[in-house]
């Protein structure tokens, strides 16, 4: 039994040494954690002390000064926005005036276009009239000379003289062209 007593004594001593070692090790960790907690609390205390100092400095005069400063900054910003708004409105008015000018120019161009269209139609009508006259002249010119000779008698092959304004030449031309109402009696006058 003595051996058992010695082993149990040694085990108790070993357990006490292990417990004491664990206590030292946990003590160091606890001490480090406690120091960190203390440092965090010190930092928080310092922050709170600064806030308290700022609140002490916020006297009614300081608050009024801060309020006036903020008010002045807001008024400057408001004035800048008003100036920008006025500038934008002026730009809009200029654009509207330009649009009115453009609209007036467009209306003038439309009126000019309509005038040109009317003039073009008048010229087309004149051209159509000239075409009709040309067609009737071509019909007269297309009539063979033999048919004219049979219809009106013998026609001289000499070139006609330019009209002198007397009735004989005009009547001869009318007769040669086969115009209605032209007779050989007119030629004799």
N, C-alpha and C. Protein backbone atom coordinates (compact mmCIF):
# COMPACT_ATOMS: atom_id res chain seq x y z
N UNK A 1 0.76 -1.15 0.00
CA UNK A 1 0.00 0.00 0.00
C UNK A 1 0.83 1.26 0.00
N UNK A 2 1.93 1.10 0.42
CA UNK A 2 2.81 2.25 0.46
C UNK A 2 3.06 2.78 -0.96
N UNK A 3 3.09 1.93 -1.85
CA UNK A 3 3.36 2.37 -3.23
C UNK A 3 2.15 3.14 -3.72
N UNK A 4 1.02 2.68 -3.37
CA UNK A 4 -0.18 3.35 -3.81
C UNK A 4 -0.25 4.74 -3.19
N UNK A 5 0.15 4.81 -2.01
CA UNK A 5 0.15 6.09 -1.32
C UNK A 5 1.15 7.02 -1.97
N UNK A 6 2.26 6.55 -2.36
CA UNK A 6 3.30 7.37 -2.99
C UNK A 6 2.80 7.81 -4.36
N UNK A 7 2.18 6.92 -5.11
CA UNK A 7 1.72 7.27 -6.46
C UNK A 7 0.61 8.31 -6.34
N UNK A 8 -0.29 8.09 -5.41
CA UNK A 8 -1.37 9.06 -5.29
C UNK A 8 -0.82 10.40 -4.81
N UNK A 9 0.19 10.43 -3.98
CA UNK A 9 0.79 11.68 -3.55
C UNK A 9 1.47 12.37 -4.73
N UNK A 10 2.18 11.59 -5.53
CA UNK A 10 2.85 12.17 -6.70
C UNK A 10 1.82 12.69 -7.70
N UNK A 11 0.72 11.96 -7.88
CA UNK A 11 -0.33 12.41 -8.80
C UNK A 11 -0.95 13.68 -8.28
N UNK A 12 -1.19 13.78 -6.97
CA UNK A 12 -1.74 15.00 -6.39
C UNK A 12 -0.78 16.17 -6.59
N UNK A 13 0.50 15.92 -6.39
CA UNK A 13 1.49 16.98 -6.55
C UNK A 13 1.55 17.41 -8.01
N UNK A 14 1.52 16.44 -8.90
CA UNK A 14 1.55 16.75 -10.33
C UNK A 14 0.29 17.53 -10.72
N UNK A 15 -0.84 17.15 -10.22
CA UNK A 15 -2.09 17.86 -10.51
C UNK A 15 -2.01 19.28 -9.98
N UNK A 16 -1.41 19.46 -8.79
CA UNK A 16 -1.28 20.79 -8.21
C UNK A 16 -0.36 21.64 -9.07
N UNK A 17 0.72 21.06 -9.59
CA UNK A 17 1.65 21.80 -10.45
C UNK A 17 0.95 22.18 -11.75
N UNK A 18 0.22 21.24 -12.33
CA UNK A 18 -0.52 21.54 -13.56
C UNK A 18 -1.57 22.62 -13.32
N UNK A 19 -2.26 22.55 -12.22
CA UNK A 19 -3.27 23.56 -11.90
C UNK A 19 -2.61 24.91 -11.72
N UNK A 20 -1.46 24.90 -11.01
CA UNK A 20 -0.76 26.16 -10.79
C UNK A 20 -0.28 26.73 -12.12
N UNK A 21 0.23 25.89 -13.07
CA UNK A 21 0.69 26.32 -14.39
C UNK A 21 -0.48 26.88 -15.20
N UNK A 22 -1.61 26.19 -15.14
CA UNK A 22 -2.79 26.65 -15.89
C UNK A 22 -3.25 27.99 -15.33
N UNK A 23 -3.20 28.10 -13.98
CA UNK A 23 -3.61 29.36 -13.36
C UNK A 23 -2.71 30.48 -13.82
N UNK A 24 -1.41 30.28 -13.92
CA UNK A 24 -0.48 31.32 -14.37
C UNK A 24 -0.75 31.69 -15.84
N UNK A 25 -0.97 30.62 -16.62
CA UNK A 25 -1.20 30.87 -18.06
C UNK A 25 -2.51 31.64 -18.26
N UNK A 26 -3.59 31.19 -17.60
CA UNK A 26 -4.87 31.88 -17.72
C UNK A 26 -4.80 33.25 -17.07
N UNK A 27 -4.00 33.40 -16.11
CA UNK A 27 -3.83 34.70 -15.43
C UNK A 27 -3.19 35.72 -16.37
N UNK A 28 -2.20 35.24 -17.15
CA UNK A 28 -1.55 36.13 -18.10
C UNK A 28 -2.55 36.57 -19.18
N UNK A 29 -3.34 35.60 -19.68
CA UNK A 29 -4.33 35.95 -20.71
C UNK A 29 -5.38 36.89 -20.15
N UNK A 30 -5.81 36.59 -18.90
CA UNK A 30 -6.80 37.46 -18.28
C UNK A 30 -6.24 38.84 -18.09
N UNK A 31 -5.00 38.92 -17.69
CA UNK A 31 -4.34 40.22 -17.47
C UNK A 31 -4.23 40.98 -18.79
N UNK A 32 -3.88 40.28 -19.89
CA UNK A 32 -3.77 40.93 -21.21
C UNK A 32 -5.14 41.41 -21.68
N UNK A 33 -6.16 40.58 -21.50
CA UNK A 33 -7.52 40.96 -21.90
C UNK A 33 -7.99 42.14 -21.07
N UNK A 34 -7.67 42.10 -19.77
CA UNK A 34 -8.06 43.20 -18.88
C UNK A 34 -7.37 44.48 -19.30
N UNK A 35 -6.10 44.38 -19.68
CA UNK A 35 -5.37 45.57 -20.12
C UNK A 35 -5.98 46.15 -21.42
N UNK A 36 -6.36 45.24 -22.33
CA UNK A 36 -6.99 45.70 -23.58
C UNK A 36 -8.33 46.36 -23.29
N UNK A 37 -9.10 45.79 -22.39
CA UNK A 37 -10.39 46.38 -22.02
C UNK A 37 -10.17 47.75 -21.40
N UNK A 38 -9.15 47.85 -20.58
CA UNK A 38 -8.83 49.14 -19.95
C UNK A 38 -8.43 50.16 -21.00
N UNK A 39 -7.63 49.74 -22.00
CA UNK A 39 -7.21 50.65 -23.06
C UNK A 39 -8.43 51.12 -23.87
N UNK A 40 -9.35 50.20 -24.20
CA UNK A 40 -10.56 50.57 -24.94
C UNK A 40 -11.41 51.54 -24.13
N UNK A 41 -11.54 51.27 -22.83
CA UNK A 41 -12.31 52.17 -21.98
C UNK A 41 -11.64 53.53 -21.89
N UNK A 42 -10.30 53.55 -21.83
CA UNK A 42 -9.57 54.83 -21.79
C UNK A 42 -9.81 55.63 -23.07
N UNK A 43 -9.80 54.93 -24.23
CA UNK A 43 -10.04 55.61 -25.51
C UNK A 43 -11.47 56.16 -25.55
N UNK A 44 -12.42 55.37 -25.04
CA UNK A 44 -13.81 55.83 -25.03
C UNK A 44 -13.96 57.01 -24.08
N UNK A 45 -13.28 56.97 -22.94
CA UNK A 45 -13.33 58.08 -21.98
C UNK A 45 -12.74 59.33 -22.61
N UNK A 46 -11.63 59.17 -23.32
CA UNK A 46 -11.00 60.32 -23.98
C UNK A 46 -11.94 60.94 -25.03
N UNK A 47 -12.61 60.07 -25.82
CA UNK A 47 -13.56 60.55 -26.82
C UNK A 47 -14.71 61.30 -26.15
N UNK A 48 -15.22 60.73 -25.07
CA UNK A 48 -16.32 61.38 -24.36
C UNK A 48 -15.87 62.71 -23.75
N UNK A 49 -14.62 62.77 -23.25
CA UNK A 49 -14.11 64.03 -22.70
C UNK A 49 -14.03 65.10 -23.78
N UNK A 50 -13.62 64.70 -25.03
CA UNK A 50 -13.58 65.66 -26.13
C UNK A 50 -14.99 66.15 -26.49
N UNK A 51 -15.95 65.23 -26.49
CA UNK A 51 -17.32 65.63 -26.77
C UNK A 51 -17.84 66.59 -25.71
N UNK A 52 -17.53 66.28 -24.44
CA UNK A 52 -17.95 67.17 -23.35
C UNK A 52 -17.32 68.54 -23.52
N UNK A 53 -16.05 68.56 -23.90
CA UNK A 53 -15.36 69.84 -24.12
C UNK A 53 -16.03 70.61 -25.26
N UNK A 54 -16.39 69.89 -26.35
CA UNK A 54 -17.08 70.56 -27.47
C UNK A 54 -18.43 71.11 -27.03
N UNK A 55 -19.15 70.34 -26.20
CA UNK A 55 -20.44 70.82 -25.71
C UNK A 55 -20.27 72.03 -24.80
N UNK A 56 -19.18 72.05 -24.03
CA UNK A 56 -18.91 73.22 -23.17
C UNK A 56 -18.64 74.45 -24.01
N UNK A 57 -17.97 74.22 -25.16
CA UNK A 57 -17.65 75.35 -26.03
C UNK A 57 -18.88 75.84 -26.79
N UNK A 58 -19.92 74.99 -26.90
CA UNK A 58 -21.13 75.39 -27.61
C UNK A 58 -22.00 76.26 -26.71
N UNK A 59 -21.54 77.44 -26.54
CA UNK A 59 -22.32 78.41 -25.80
C UNK A 59 -23.34 79.01 -26.76
N UNK A 60 -24.31 79.72 -26.25
CA UNK A 60 -25.28 80.34 -27.15
C UNK A 60 -24.63 81.22 -28.22
N UNK A 61 -23.53 81.86 -27.89
CA UNK A 61 -22.83 82.69 -28.86
C UNK A 61 -22.23 81.84 -29.97
N UNK A 62 -21.66 80.71 -29.61
CA UNK A 62 -21.07 79.80 -30.59
C UNK A 62 -22.18 79.20 -31.47
N UNK A 63 -23.28 78.82 -30.85
CA UNK A 63 -24.40 78.25 -31.61
C UNK A 63 -24.93 79.29 -32.59
N UNK A 64 -25.06 80.54 -32.12
CA UNK A 64 -25.54 81.62 -32.99
C UNK A 64 -24.55 81.83 -34.15
N UNK A 65 -23.27 81.83 -33.84
CA UNK A 65 -22.25 82.00 -34.88
C UNK A 65 -22.32 80.86 -35.90
N UNK A 66 -22.48 79.64 -35.41
CA UNK A 66 -22.61 78.48 -36.30
C UNK A 66 -23.86 78.60 -37.16
N UNK A 67 -24.97 79.00 -36.54
CA UNK A 67 -26.23 79.17 -37.26
C UNK A 67 -26.09 80.23 -38.34
N UNK A 68 -25.48 81.35 -38.02
CA UNK A 68 -25.30 82.43 -39.00
C UNK A 68 -24.39 81.98 -40.15
N UNK A 69 -23.37 81.22 -39.81
CA UNK A 69 -22.46 80.71 -40.84
C UNK A 69 -23.20 79.77 -41.79
N UNK A 70 -23.97 78.85 -41.23
CA UNK A 70 -24.73 77.91 -42.06
C UNK A 70 -25.76 78.67 -42.90
N UNK A 71 -26.41 79.65 -42.27
CA UNK A 71 -27.42 80.44 -42.99
C UNK A 71 -26.78 81.19 -44.15
N UNK A 72 -25.62 81.76 -43.93
CA UNK A 72 -24.91 82.50 -44.98
C UNK A 72 -24.52 81.56 -46.13
N UNK A 73 -24.03 80.39 -45.80
CA UNK A 73 -23.67 79.42 -46.84
C UNK A 73 -24.89 79.00 -47.65
N UNK A 74 -26.00 78.77 -46.96
CA UNK A 74 -27.23 78.38 -47.67
C UNK A 74 -27.75 79.52 -48.55
N UNK A 75 -27.64 80.76 -48.08
CA UNK A 75 -28.07 81.90 -48.90
C UNK A 75 -27.19 82.04 -50.14
N UNK A 76 -25.88 81.84 -49.98
CA UNK A 76 -24.98 81.90 -51.13
C UNK A 76 -25.34 80.80 -52.14
N UNK A 77 -25.60 79.62 -51.63
CA UNK A 77 -25.98 78.51 -52.52
C UNK A 77 -27.31 78.81 -53.21
N UNK A 78 -28.25 79.37 -52.46
CA UNK A 78 -29.55 79.73 -53.01
C UNK A 78 -29.39 80.80 -54.09
N UNK A 79 -28.56 81.81 -53.84
CA UNK A 79 -28.33 82.86 -54.84
C UNK A 79 -27.67 82.30 -56.09
N UNK A 80 -26.75 81.36 -55.89
CA UNK A 80 -26.11 80.73 -57.05
C UNK A 80 -27.13 79.95 -57.87
N UNK A 81 -28.04 79.25 -57.19
CA UNK A 81 -29.09 78.52 -57.90
C UNK A 81 -30.04 79.47 -58.62
N UNK A 82 -30.36 80.62 -57.98
CA UNK A 82 -31.23 81.60 -58.63
C UNK A 82 -30.57 82.17 -59.87
N UNK A 83 -29.27 82.47 -59.78
CA UNK A 83 -28.54 82.99 -60.95
C UNK A 83 -28.53 81.97 -62.07
N UNK A 84 -28.31 80.72 -61.72
CA UNK A 84 -28.31 79.66 -62.73
C UNK A 84 -29.69 79.52 -63.36
N UNK A 85 -30.73 79.63 -62.52
CA UNK A 85 -32.11 79.55 -63.03
C UNK A 85 -32.41 80.71 -63.97
N UNK A 86 -31.98 81.94 -63.59
CA UNK A 86 -32.20 83.10 -64.45
C UNK A 86 -31.48 82.93 -65.78
N UNK A 87 -30.26 82.40 -65.72
CA UNK A 87 -29.50 82.16 -66.94
C UNK A 87 -30.21 81.15 -67.84
N UNK A 88 -30.73 80.08 -67.23
CA UNK A 88 -31.44 79.07 -68.01
C UNK A 88 -32.72 79.66 -68.62
N UNK A 89 -33.44 80.50 -67.85
CA UNK A 89 -34.65 81.12 -68.37
C UNK A 89 -34.33 82.07 -69.52
N UNK A 90 -33.23 82.81 -69.40
CA UNK A 90 -32.81 83.69 -70.48
C UNK A 90 -32.47 82.88 -71.73
N UNK A 91 -31.81 81.76 -71.53
CA UNK A 91 -31.48 80.88 -72.66
C UNK A 91 -32.75 80.36 -73.31
N UNK A 92 -33.73 79.99 -72.49
CA UNK A 92 -35.00 79.51 -73.03
C UNK A 92 -35.68 80.61 -73.84
N UNK A 93 -35.67 81.84 -73.31
CA UNK A 93 -36.29 82.96 -74.04
C UNK A 93 -35.58 83.21 -75.36
N UNK A 94 -34.23 83.14 -75.35
CA UNK A 94 -33.49 83.32 -76.60
C UNK A 94 -33.86 82.23 -77.60
N UNK A 95 -33.98 81.01 -77.09
CA UNK A 95 -34.34 79.91 -77.98
C UNK A 95 -35.75 80.09 -78.54
N UNK A 96 -36.66 80.58 -77.70
CA UNK A 96 -38.02 80.84 -78.18
C UNK A 96 -38.01 81.93 -79.24
N UNK A 97 -37.21 82.99 -79.00
CA UNK A 97 -37.12 84.07 -79.99
C UNK A 97 -36.52 83.53 -81.29
N UNK A 98 -35.49 82.69 -81.16
CA UNK A 98 -34.90 82.08 -82.35
C UNK A 98 -35.93 81.21 -83.08
N UNK A 99 -36.73 80.48 -82.29
CA UNK A 99 -37.78 79.66 -82.91
C UNK A 99 -38.78 80.53 -83.64
N UNK A 100 -39.16 81.67 -83.02
CA UNK A 100 -40.09 82.59 -83.69
C UNK A 100 -39.48 83.12 -84.97
N UNK A 101 -38.19 83.47 -84.91
CA UNK A 101 -37.50 83.96 -86.11
C UNK A 101 -37.47 82.87 -87.17
N UNK A 102 -37.13 81.66 -86.75
CA UNK A 102 -37.10 80.54 -87.69
C UNK A 102 -38.49 80.29 -88.28
N UNK A 103 -39.51 80.38 -87.43
CA UNK A 103 -40.88 80.19 -87.92
C UNK A 103 -41.25 81.27 -88.93
N UNK A 104 -40.83 82.52 -88.66
CA UNK A 104 -41.11 83.61 -89.61
C UNK A 104 -40.40 83.36 -90.93
N UNK A 105 -39.15 82.93 -90.85
CA UNK A 105 -38.39 82.65 -92.07
C UNK A 105 -39.06 81.50 -92.83
N UNK A 106 -39.50 80.49 -92.10
CA UNK A 106 -40.17 79.35 -92.74
C UNK A 106 -41.45 79.82 -93.42
N UNK A 107 -42.23 80.67 -92.75
CA UNK A 107 -43.46 81.18 -93.35
C UNK A 107 -43.16 82.00 -94.61
N UNK A 108 -42.11 82.82 -94.54
CA UNK A 108 -41.73 83.61 -95.72
C UNK A 108 -41.32 82.68 -96.87
N UNK A 109 -40.55 81.65 -96.53
CA UNK A 109 -40.12 80.70 -97.57
C UNK A 109 -41.31 79.94 -98.15
N UNK A 110 -42.28 79.59 -97.30
CA UNK A 110 -43.47 78.92 -97.80
C UNK A 110 -44.24 79.83 -98.75
N UNK A 111 -44.36 81.14 -98.38
CA UNK A 111 -45.07 82.08 -99.24
C UNK A 111 -44.32 82.25 -100.56
N UNK A 112 -43.00 82.33 -100.48
CA UNK A 112 -42.19 82.45 -101.70
C UNK A 112 -42.33 81.19 -102.56
N UNK A 113 -42.36 80.04 -101.91
CA UNK A 113 -42.54 78.78 -102.64
C UNK A 113 -43.88 78.78 -103.36
N UNK A 114 -44.93 79.23 -102.67
CA UNK A 114 -46.27 79.26 -103.28
C UNK A 114 -46.29 80.24 -104.45
N UNK A 115 -45.62 81.39 -104.30
CA UNK A 115 -45.54 82.37 -105.39
C UNK A 115 -44.81 81.75 -106.59
N UNK A 116 -43.72 81.04 -106.30
CA UNK A 116 -42.97 80.40 -107.39
C UNK A 116 -43.81 79.30 -108.05
N UNK A 117 -44.61 78.59 -107.26
CA UNK A 117 -45.47 77.56 -107.82
C UNK A 117 -46.51 78.19 -108.77
N UNK A 118 -47.07 79.32 -108.35
CA UNK A 118 -48.04 80.01 -109.20
C UNK A 118 -47.38 80.48 -110.49
N UNK A 119 -46.20 81.06 -110.35
CA UNK A 119 -45.48 81.53 -111.54
C UNK A 119 -45.12 80.36 -112.45
N UNK A 120 -44.73 79.23 -111.85
CA UNK A 120 -44.39 78.03 -112.63
C UNK A 120 -45.62 77.54 -113.40
N UNK A 121 -46.77 77.53 -112.74
CA UNK A 121 -47.99 77.11 -113.43
C UNK A 121 -48.33 78.05 -114.58
N UNK A 122 -48.12 79.35 -114.37
CA UNK A 122 -48.39 80.31 -115.45
C UNK A 122 -47.45 80.06 -116.63
N UNK A 123 -46.20 79.79 -116.33
CA UNK A 123 -45.23 79.51 -117.40
C UNK A 123 -45.59 78.21 -118.10
N UNK A 124 -46.01 77.20 -117.35
CA UNK A 124 -46.44 75.93 -117.95
C UNK A 124 -47.63 76.16 -118.89
N UNK A 125 -48.56 77.00 -118.43
CA UNK A 125 -49.72 77.30 -119.28
C UNK A 125 -49.28 77.99 -120.58
N UNK A 126 -48.32 78.93 -120.46
CA UNK A 126 -47.81 79.60 -121.66
C UNK A 126 -47.14 78.60 -122.60
N UNK A 127 -46.35 77.68 -121.99
CA UNK A 127 -45.67 76.67 -122.81
C UNK A 127 -46.70 75.79 -123.51
N UNK A 128 -47.75 75.40 -122.79
CA UNK A 128 -48.80 74.59 -123.41
C UNK A 128 -49.46 75.35 -124.56
N UNK A 129 -49.68 76.68 -124.35
CA UNK A 129 -50.24 77.50 -125.42
C UNK A 129 -49.31 77.54 -126.62
N UNK A 130 -48.02 77.70 -126.35
CA UNK A 130 -47.05 77.71 -127.44
C UNK A 130 -47.03 76.35 -128.14
N UNK A 131 -47.13 75.26 -127.36
CA UNK A 131 -47.16 73.93 -127.97
C UNK A 131 -48.38 73.78 -128.88
N UNK A 132 -49.54 74.28 -128.43
CA UNK A 132 -50.73 74.20 -129.27
C UNK A 132 -50.55 75.00 -130.55
N UNK A 133 -49.95 76.20 -130.41
CA UNK A 133 -49.70 77.02 -131.60
C UNK A 133 -48.72 76.33 -132.53
N UNK A 134 -47.70 75.70 -131.95
CA UNK A 134 -46.71 75.00 -132.76
C UNK A 134 -47.37 73.82 -133.48
N UNK A 135 -48.25 73.12 -132.77
CA UNK A 135 -48.95 72.00 -133.40
C UNK A 135 -49.78 72.47 -134.59
N UNK A 136 -50.47 73.61 -134.42
CA UNK A 136 -51.29 74.11 -135.53
C UNK A 136 -50.40 74.58 -136.68
N UNK A 137 -49.26 75.18 -136.36
CA UNK A 137 -48.33 75.62 -137.41
C UNK A 137 -47.77 74.40 -138.12
N UNK A 138 -47.44 73.34 -137.37
CA UNK A 138 -46.91 72.12 -137.99
C UNK A 138 -47.95 71.48 -138.91
N UNK A 139 -49.21 71.57 -138.52
CA UNK A 139 -50.26 71.02 -139.37
C UNK A 139 -50.28 71.79 -140.69
N UNK A 140 -50.18 73.13 -140.63
CA UNK A 140 -50.14 73.94 -141.86
C UNK A 140 -48.91 73.61 -142.68
N UNK A 141 -47.77 73.46 -141.97
CA UNK A 141 -46.53 73.20 -142.70
C UNK A 141 -46.49 71.78 -143.25
N UNK A 142 -47.21 70.87 -142.63
CA UNK A 142 -47.21 69.49 -143.08
C UNK A 142 -48.09 69.29 -144.32
N UNK A 143 -48.92 70.25 -144.64
CA UNK A 143 -49.79 70.14 -145.82
C UNK A 143 -48.91 70.20 -147.06
N UNK A 144 -48.98 69.21 -147.93
CA UNK A 144 -48.13 69.21 -149.11
C UNK A 144 -48.48 70.36 -150.05
N UNK A 145 -47.48 70.80 -150.74
CA UNK A 145 -47.65 71.92 -151.68
C UNK A 145 -48.62 71.54 -152.79
N UNK A 146 -48.58 70.32 -153.24
CA UNK A 146 -49.50 69.90 -154.31
C UNK A 146 -50.95 70.06 -153.87
N UNK A 147 -51.23 69.73 -152.58
CA UNK A 147 -52.60 69.88 -152.09
C UNK A 147 -52.99 71.34 -152.08
N UNK A 148 -52.02 72.22 -151.73
CA UNK A 148 -52.32 73.65 -151.73
C UNK A 148 -52.57 74.14 -153.15
N UNK A 149 -51.80 73.64 -154.11
CA UNK A 149 -51.96 74.06 -155.50
C UNK A 149 -53.34 73.64 -155.99
N UNK A 150 -53.75 72.44 -155.64
CA UNK A 150 -55.06 71.96 -156.08
C UNK A 150 -56.16 72.80 -155.43
N UNK A 151 -55.95 73.16 -154.18
CA UNK A 151 -56.98 73.89 -153.46
C UNK A 151 -57.06 75.34 -153.91
N UNK A 152 -55.92 76.00 -154.09
CA UNK A 152 -55.93 77.44 -154.34
C UNK A 152 -55.42 77.82 -155.73
N UNK A 153 -55.03 76.91 -156.49
CA UNK A 153 -54.50 77.23 -157.81
C UNK A 153 -52.99 77.26 -157.76
N UNK A 154 -52.42 77.86 -158.81
CA UNK A 154 -50.96 77.87 -158.95
C UNK A 154 -50.35 78.83 -157.95
N UNK A 155 -49.26 78.34 -157.26
CA UNK A 155 -48.53 79.19 -156.32
C UNK A 155 -47.13 79.34 -156.84
N UNK A 156 -46.62 80.56 -156.76
CA UNK A 156 -45.29 80.85 -157.26
C UNK A 156 -44.26 80.15 -156.40
N UNK A 157 -43.22 79.64 -157.06
CA UNK A 157 -42.14 78.96 -156.33
C UNK A 157 -41.07 79.94 -155.89
N UNK A 158 -41.27 81.20 -156.22
CA UNK A 158 -40.29 82.20 -155.80
C UNK A 158 -40.37 82.40 -154.29
N UNK A 159 -39.25 82.67 -153.66
CA UNK A 159 -39.31 82.92 -152.21
C UNK A 159 -40.15 84.16 -151.95
N UNK A 160 -40.92 84.07 -150.90
CA UNK A 160 -41.78 85.19 -150.55
C UNK A 160 -40.93 86.30 -149.95
N UNK A 161 -41.34 87.53 -150.29
CA UNK A 161 -40.65 88.67 -149.71
C UNK A 161 -41.18 88.89 -148.31
N UNK A 162 -40.38 89.52 -147.53
CA UNK A 162 -40.80 89.83 -146.17
C UNK A 162 -42.00 90.73 -146.22
N UNK A 163 -42.92 90.57 -145.30
CA UNK A 163 -44.12 91.41 -145.34
C UNK A 163 -43.73 92.87 -145.24
N UNK A 164 -44.36 93.62 -146.12
CA UNK A 164 -44.10 95.05 -146.13
C UNK A 164 -45.20 95.80 -145.45
N UNK A 165 -46.20 95.06 -145.05
CA UNK A 165 -47.30 95.71 -144.37
C UNK A 165 -48.44 96.00 -145.32
N UNK A 166 -48.22 95.78 -146.64
CA UNK A 166 -49.35 96.02 -147.53
C UNK A 166 -50.22 94.79 -147.56
N UNK A 167 -51.41 94.89 -147.98
CA UNK A 167 -52.41 93.83 -147.94
C UNK A 167 -52.10 92.69 -148.87
N UNK A 168 -51.41 92.97 -150.02
CA UNK A 168 -51.17 91.90 -150.99
C UNK A 168 -50.26 90.83 -150.41
N UNK A 169 -49.17 91.21 -149.78
CA UNK A 169 -48.22 90.24 -149.25
C UNK A 169 -48.86 89.47 -148.12
N UNK A 170 -49.58 90.15 -147.28
CA UNK A 170 -50.23 89.47 -146.15
C UNK A 170 -51.26 88.48 -146.66
N UNK A 171 -52.01 88.85 -147.69
CA UNK A 171 -53.02 87.96 -148.25
C UNK A 171 -52.36 86.76 -148.89
N UNK A 172 -51.21 86.96 -149.54
CA UNK A 172 -50.51 85.86 -150.19
C UNK A 172 -50.02 84.87 -149.14
N UNK A 173 -49.53 85.40 -148.04
CA UNK A 173 -49.07 84.53 -146.97
C UNK A 173 -50.23 83.73 -146.40
N UNK A 174 -51.33 84.38 -146.17
CA UNK A 174 -52.50 83.69 -145.63
C UNK A 174 -52.95 82.61 -146.60
N UNK A 175 -52.93 82.96 -147.90
CA UNK A 175 -53.35 82.00 -148.92
C UNK A 175 -52.39 80.82 -148.97
N UNK A 176 -51.09 81.08 -148.87
CA UNK A 176 -50.09 80.02 -148.93
C UNK A 176 -50.19 79.11 -147.71
N UNK A 177 -50.52 79.69 -146.58
CA UNK A 177 -50.61 78.89 -145.36
C UNK A 177 -51.95 78.19 -145.26
N UNK A 178 -52.86 78.56 -146.09
CA UNK A 178 -54.16 77.89 -146.11
C UNK A 178 -55.04 78.33 -144.97
N UNK A 179 -54.91 79.56 -144.54
CA UNK A 179 -55.76 80.03 -143.46
C UNK A 179 -57.17 80.21 -143.98
N UNK A 180 -58.15 79.92 -143.15
CA UNK A 180 -59.53 80.10 -143.59
C UNK A 180 -59.84 81.56 -143.83
N UNK A 181 -60.61 81.81 -144.80
CA UNK A 181 -61.02 83.16 -145.13
C UNK A 181 -60.09 83.84 -146.09
N UNK A 182 -58.97 83.20 -146.49
CA UNK A 182 -58.04 83.81 -147.45
C UNK A 182 -58.47 83.41 -148.84
N UNK A 183 -58.58 84.37 -149.72
CA UNK A 183 -58.97 84.08 -151.10
C UNK A 183 -57.98 84.72 -152.04
N UNK A 184 -58.05 84.31 -153.28
CA UNK A 184 -57.14 84.88 -154.27
C UNK A 184 -57.55 86.30 -154.57
N UNK A 185 -58.77 86.72 -154.24
CA UNK A 185 -59.19 88.11 -154.43
C UNK A 185 -58.45 89.01 -153.51
N UNK A 186 -58.14 88.50 -152.26
CA UNK A 186 -57.39 89.31 -151.32
C UNK A 186 -56.02 89.63 -151.89
N UNK A 187 -55.48 88.71 -152.68
CA UNK A 187 -54.16 88.88 -153.25
C UNK A 187 -54.18 89.99 -154.28
N UNK A 188 -55.28 90.12 -154.97
CA UNK A 188 -55.38 91.13 -156.01
C UNK A 188 -55.51 92.51 -155.39
N UNK A 189 -55.99 92.65 -154.21
CA UNK A 189 -56.16 93.96 -153.58
C UNK A 189 -54.81 94.47 -153.28
